Amino acid sequence: MSPDQDAEIATPKLFLPSRRAGALLAALGVVALSAALYLRYAIIQNSTIGVACEAGVVSVLCQLRLGVISMFAQDCFGWAGMIAACIQLWRPNIVVFGTGLIFALMGLVLYNTRASALAIALLVLSLARPSPAKQ
């Protein structure tokens, strides 16, 4: 064996999404950010909707607003992103990476900044992990 072949065998292949998967992850990230921005600025912080919901109006919009508020009050977006990022760091997988990315990006916009920032850092760190061995 030549030294080049020995280096290829000894060096593990890092987890790196393909171009198609990268484009899909970028699109999912844009959709997650857009949805989170819409939820935050058009529904949660909109004073007209807030006053109507607090006055007792029962609608799907008020239920969505209440559900999202209770989720970010319990840090659900940040913790879901961190759990997915830890799983991704332990066993790299494109589906888990996408799940962690979506929750972390939504958490960054929806008031779960600490846990979501840590989840993003773990996701970036997971790109340096070797891919799981194919059997």
C-alpha atoms as a PDB file:
ATOM      1  CA  MET A   1       0.000   0.000   0.000  1.00  0.00           C
ATOM      2  CA  SER A   2       1.165   3.467  -0.750  1.00  0.00           C
ATOM      3  CA  PRO A   3       1.298   6.191   1.913  1.00  0.00           C
ATOM      4  CA  ASP A   4      -1.637   7.966   0.227  1.00  0.00           C
ATOM      5  CA  GLN A   5      -3.850   4.890   0.575  1.00  0.00           C
ATOM      6  CA  ASP A   6      -2.841   4.521   4.229  1.00  0.00           C
ATOM      7  CA  ALA A   7      -3.792   8.158   4.868  1.00  0.00           C
ATOM      8  CA  GLU A   8      -7.192   7.633   3.211  1.00  0.00           C
ATOM      9  CA  ILE A   9      -7.893   4.577   5.337  1.00  0.00           C
ATOM     10  CA  ALA A  10      -6.786   6.240   8.582  1.00  0.00           C
ATOM     11  CA  THR A  11      -8.641   9.523   8.035  1.00  0.00           C
ATOM     12  CA  PRO A  12     -12.360   9.224   8.780  1.00  0.00           C
ATOM     13  CA  LYS A  13     -14.780  10.934   6.428  1.00  0.00           C
ATOM     14  CA  LEU A  14     -16.423  13.912   8.156  1.00  0.00           C
ATOM     15  CA  PHE A  15     -20.177  14.395   8.286  1.00  0.00           C
ATOM     16  CA  LEU A  16     -21.017  16.781   5.473  1.00  0.00           C
ATOM     17  CA  PRO A  17     -24.421  17.133   3.824  1.00  0.00           C
ATOM     18  CA  SER A  18     -24.545  16.758   0.051  1.00  0.00           C
ATOM     19  CA  ARG A  19     -25.359  19.734  -2.151  1.00  0.00           C
ATOM     20  CA  ARG A  20     -28.997  18.675  -2.421  1.00  0.00           C
ATOM     21  CA  ALA A  21     -29.282  18.174   1.341  1.00  0.00           C
ATOM     22  CA  GLY A  22     -27.546  21.513   1.939  1.00  0.00           C
ATOM     23  CA  ALA A  23     -30.011  23.288  -0.329  1.00  0.00           C
ATOM     24  CA  LEU A  24     -32.909  21.588   1.441  1.00  0.00           C
ATOM     25  CA  LEU A  25     -31.486  22.560   4.848  1.00  0.00           C
ATOM     26  CA  ALA A  26     -31.068  26.160   3.698  1.00  0.00           C
ATOM     27  CA  ALA A  27     -34.669  26.243   2.452  1.00  0.00           C
ATOM     28  CA  LEU A  28     -35.923  24.737   5.725  1.00  0.00           C
ATOM     29  CA  GLY A  29     -33.899  27.321   7.642  1.00  0.00           C
ATOM     30  CA  VAL A  30     -35.423  30.191   5.664  1.00  0.00           C
ATOM     31  CA  VAL A  31     -38.928  28.778   6.176  1.00  0.00           C
ATOM     32  CA  ALA A  32     -38.323  28.325   9.932  1.00  0.00           C
ATOM     33  CA  LEU A  33     -36.992  31.871  10.277  1.00  0.00           C
ATOM     34  CA  SER A  34     -39.870  33.288   8.245  1.00  0.00           C
ATOM     35  CA  ALA A  35     -42.454  31.413  10.311  1.00  0.00           C
ATOM     36  CA  ALA A  36     -40.831  32.494  13.571  1.00  0.00           C
ATOM     37  CA  LEU A  37     -40.650  36.134  12.465  1.00  0.00           C
ATOM     38  CA  TYR A  38     -44.292  36.033  11.382  1.00  0.00           C
ATOM     39  CA  LEU A  39     -45.341  34.474  14.692  1.00  0.00           C
ATOM     40  CA  ARG A  40     -43.377  36.986  16.715  1.00  0.00           C
ATOM     41  CA  TYR A  41     -44.174  40.234  14.948  1.00  0.00           C
ATOM     42  CA  ALA A  42     -47.563  39.600  13.320  1.00  0.00           C
ATOM     43  CA  ILE A  43     -49.241  37.523  16.026  1.00  0.00           C
ATOM     44  CA  ILE A  44     -47.494  37.663  19.418  1.00  0.00           C
ATOM     45  CA  GLN A  45     -46.412  41.308  19.506  1.00  0.00           C
ATOM     46  CA  ASN A  46     -49.422  42.632  17.591  1.00  0.00           C
ATOM     47  CA  SER A  47     -51.316  44.687  20.182  1.00  0.00           C
ATOM     48  CA  THR A  48     -54.672  44.424  18.408  1.00  0.00           C
ATOM     49  CA  ILE A  49     -54.559  40.629  18.406  1.00  0.00           C
ATOM     50  CA  GLY A  50     -53.240  40.597  21.968  1.00  0.00           C
ATOM     51  CA  VAL A  51     -56.051  42.778  23.300  1.00  0.00           C
ATOM     52  CA  ALA A  52     -58.674  40.755  21.438  1.00  0.00           C
ATOM     53  CA  CYS A  53     -57.303  37.450  22.754  1.00  0.00           C
ATOM     54  CA  GLU A  54     -57.084  38.780  26.313  1.00  0.00           C
ATOM     55  CA  ALA A  55     -60.686  40.036  26.032  1.00  0.00           C
ATOM     56  CA  GLY A  56     -61.844  36.475  25.479  1.00  0.00           C
ATOM     57  CA  VAL A  57     -62.119  36.103  21.720  1.00  0.00           C
ATOM     58  CA  VAL A  58     -61.925  32.408  20.870  1.00  0.00           C
ATOM     59  CA  SER A  59     -60.255  31.829  17.512  1.00  0.00           C
ATOM     60  CA  VAL A  60     -57.555  29.700  15.967  1.00  0.00           C
ATOM     61  CA  LEU A  61     -55.235  32.710  15.959  1.00  0.00           C
ATOM     62  CA  CYS A  62     -55.651  33.198  19.714  1.00  0.00           C
ATOM     63  CA  GLN A  63     -55.091  29.489  20.352  1.00  0.00           C
ATOM     64  CA  LEU A  64     -51.939  29.550  18.203  1.00  0.00           C
ATOM     65  CA  ARG A  65     -50.728  32.666  20.021  1.00  0.00           C
ATOM     66  CA  LEU A  66     -51.341  31.083  23.424  1.00  0.00           C
ATOM     67  CA  GLY A  67     -49.652  27.830  22.383  1.00  0.00           C
ATOM     68  CA  VAL A  68     -46.528  29.569  21.065  1.00  0.00           C
ATOM     69  CA  ILE A  69     -46.314  31.809  24.139  1.00  0.00           C
ATOM     70  CA  SER A  70     -46.538  28.815  26.468  1.00  0.00           C
ATOM     71  CA  MET A  71     -43.917  26.963  24.405  1.00  0.00           C
ATOM     72  CA  PHE A  72     -41.348  29.748  24.566  1.00  0.00           C
ATOM     73  CA  ALA A  73     -42.148  30.424  28.220  1.00  0.00           C
ATOM     74  CA  GLN A  74     -41.038  26.849  28.936  1.00  0.00           C
ATOM     75  CA  ASP A  75     -37.999  27.136  26.593  1.00  0.00           C
ATOM     76  CA  CYS A  76     -39.371  24.359  24.384  1.00  0.00           C
ATOM     77  CA  PHE A  77     -37.749  25.625  21.183  1.00  0.00           C
ATOM     78  CA  GLY A  78     -34.303  25.956  22.739  1.00  0.00           C
ATOM     79  CA  TRP A  79     -34.420  22.628  24.565  1.00  0.00           C
ATOM     80  CA  ALA A  80     -35.735  20.757  21.518  1.00  0.00           C
ATOM     81  CA  GLY A  81     -32.909  22.276  19.476  1.00  0.00           C
ATOM     82  CA  MET A  82     -30.331  21.322  22.118  1.00  0.00           C
ATOM     83  CA  ILE A  83     -31.613  17.739  22.389  1.00  0.00           C
ATOM     84  CA  ALA A  84     -31.501  17.342  18.606  1.00  0.00           C
ATOM     85  CA  ALA A  85     -28.027  18.933  18.479  1.00  0.00           C
ATOM     86  CA  CYS A  86     -26.727  16.557  21.160  1.00  0.00           C
ATOM     87  CA  ILE A  87     -28.123  13.573  19.254  1.00  0.00           C
ATOM     88  CA  GLN A  88     -26.555  14.985  16.099  1.00  0.00           C
ATOM     89  CA  LEU A  89     -23.219  15.366  17.853  1.00  0.00           C
ATOM     90  CA  TRP A  90     -23.411  11.809  19.148  1.00  0.00           C
ATOM     91  CA  ARG A  91     -24.622  10.173  15.918  1.00  0.00           C
ATOM     92  CA  PRO A  92     -24.533  12.468  12.846  1.00  0.00           C
ATOM     93  CA  ASN A  93     -27.661  12.241  10.712  1.00  0.00           C
ATOM     94  CA  ILE A  94     -29.103  14.712   8.213  1.00  0.00           C
ATOM     95  CA  VAL A  95     -32.675  14.423   9.560  1.00  0.00           C
ATOM     96  CA  VAL A  96     -31.602  15.151  13.135  1.00  0.00           C
ATOM     97  CA  PHE A  97     -29.437  18.020  11.880  1.00  0.00           C
ATOM     98  CA  GLY A  98     -32.431  19.545  10.091  1.00  0.00           C
ATOM     99  CA  THR A  99     -34.681  19.114  13.127  1.00  0.00           C
ATOM    100  CA  GLY A 100     -32.149  20.754  15.406  1.00  0.00           C
ATOM    101  CA  LEU A 101     -31.622  23.569  12.917  1.00  0.00           C
ATOM    102  CA  ILE A 102     -35.346  24.316  12.647  1.00  0.00           C
ATOM    103  CA  PHE A 103     -35.939  24.368  16.407  1.00  0.00           C
ATOM    104  CA  ALA A 104     -32.783  26.370  17.104  1.00  0.00           C
ATOM    105  CA  LEU A 105     -33.582  28.997  14.475  1.00  0.00           C
ATOM    106  CA  MET A 106     -37.143  29.343  15.723  1.00  0.00           C
ATOM    107  CA  GLY A 107     -35.836  29.595  19.283  1.00  0.00           C
ATOM    108  CA  LEU A 108     -33.436  32.385  18.337  1.00  0.00           C
ATOM    109  CA  VAL A 109     -36.353  34.507  17.143  1.00  0.00           C
ATOM    110  CA  LEU A 110     -38.873  33.383  19.777  1.00  0.00           C
ATOM    111  CA  TYR A 111     -37.037  34.429  22.946  1.00  0.00           C
ATOM    112  CA  ASN A 112     -35.091  31.179  23.651  1.00  0.00           C
ATOM    113  CA  THR A 113     -31.746  32.662  22.696  1.00  0.00           C
ATOM    114  CA  ARG A 114     -29.377  30.976  25.171  1.00  0.00           C
ATOM    115  CA  ALA A 115     -30.349  27.367  24.565  1.00  0.00           C
ATOM    116  CA  SER A 116     -30.824  27.964  20.836  1.00  0.00           C
ATOM    117  CA  ALA A 117     -27.398  29.584  20.464  1.00  0.00           C
ATOM    118  CA  LEU A 118     -25.828  26.601  22.215  1.00  0.00           C
ATOM    119  CA  ALA A 119     -27.769  24.264  19.906  1.00  0.00           C
ATOM    120  CA  ILE A 120     -26.445  26.129  16.848  1.00  0.00           C
ATOM    121  CA  ALA A 121     -22.895  25.866  18.214  1.00  0.00           C
ATOM    122  CA  LEU A 122     -23.320  22.115  18.759  1.00  0.00           C
ATOM    123  CA  LEU A 123     -24.721  21.700  15.254  1.00  0.00           C
ATOM    124  CA  VAL A 124     -21.714  23.491  13.778  1.00  0.00           C
ATOM    125  CA  LEU A 125     -19.431  21.350  15.924  1.00  0.00           C
ATOM    126  CA  SER A 126     -21.178  18.219  14.667  1.00  0.00           C
ATOM    127  CA  LEU A 127     -19.955  18.987  11.143  1.00  0.00           C
ATOM    128  CA  ALA A 128     -16.463  18.040  12.364  1.00  0.00           C
ATOM    129  CA  ARG A 129     -17.618  14.596  13.538  1.00  0.00           C
ATOM    130  CA  PRO A 130     -16.876  11.530  11.455  1.00  0.00           C
ATOM    131  CA  SER A 131     -19.783  10.039   9.550  1.00  0.00           C
ATOM    132  CA  PRO A 132     -21.170   6.804  10.956  1.00  0.00           C
ATOM    133  CA  ALA A 133     -19.619   3.725   9.392  1.00  0.00           C
ATOM    134  CA  LYS A 134     -21.784   2.084   6.744  1.00  0.00           C
ATOM    135  CA  GLN A 135     -22.332  -1.584   7.321  1.00  0.00           C
END
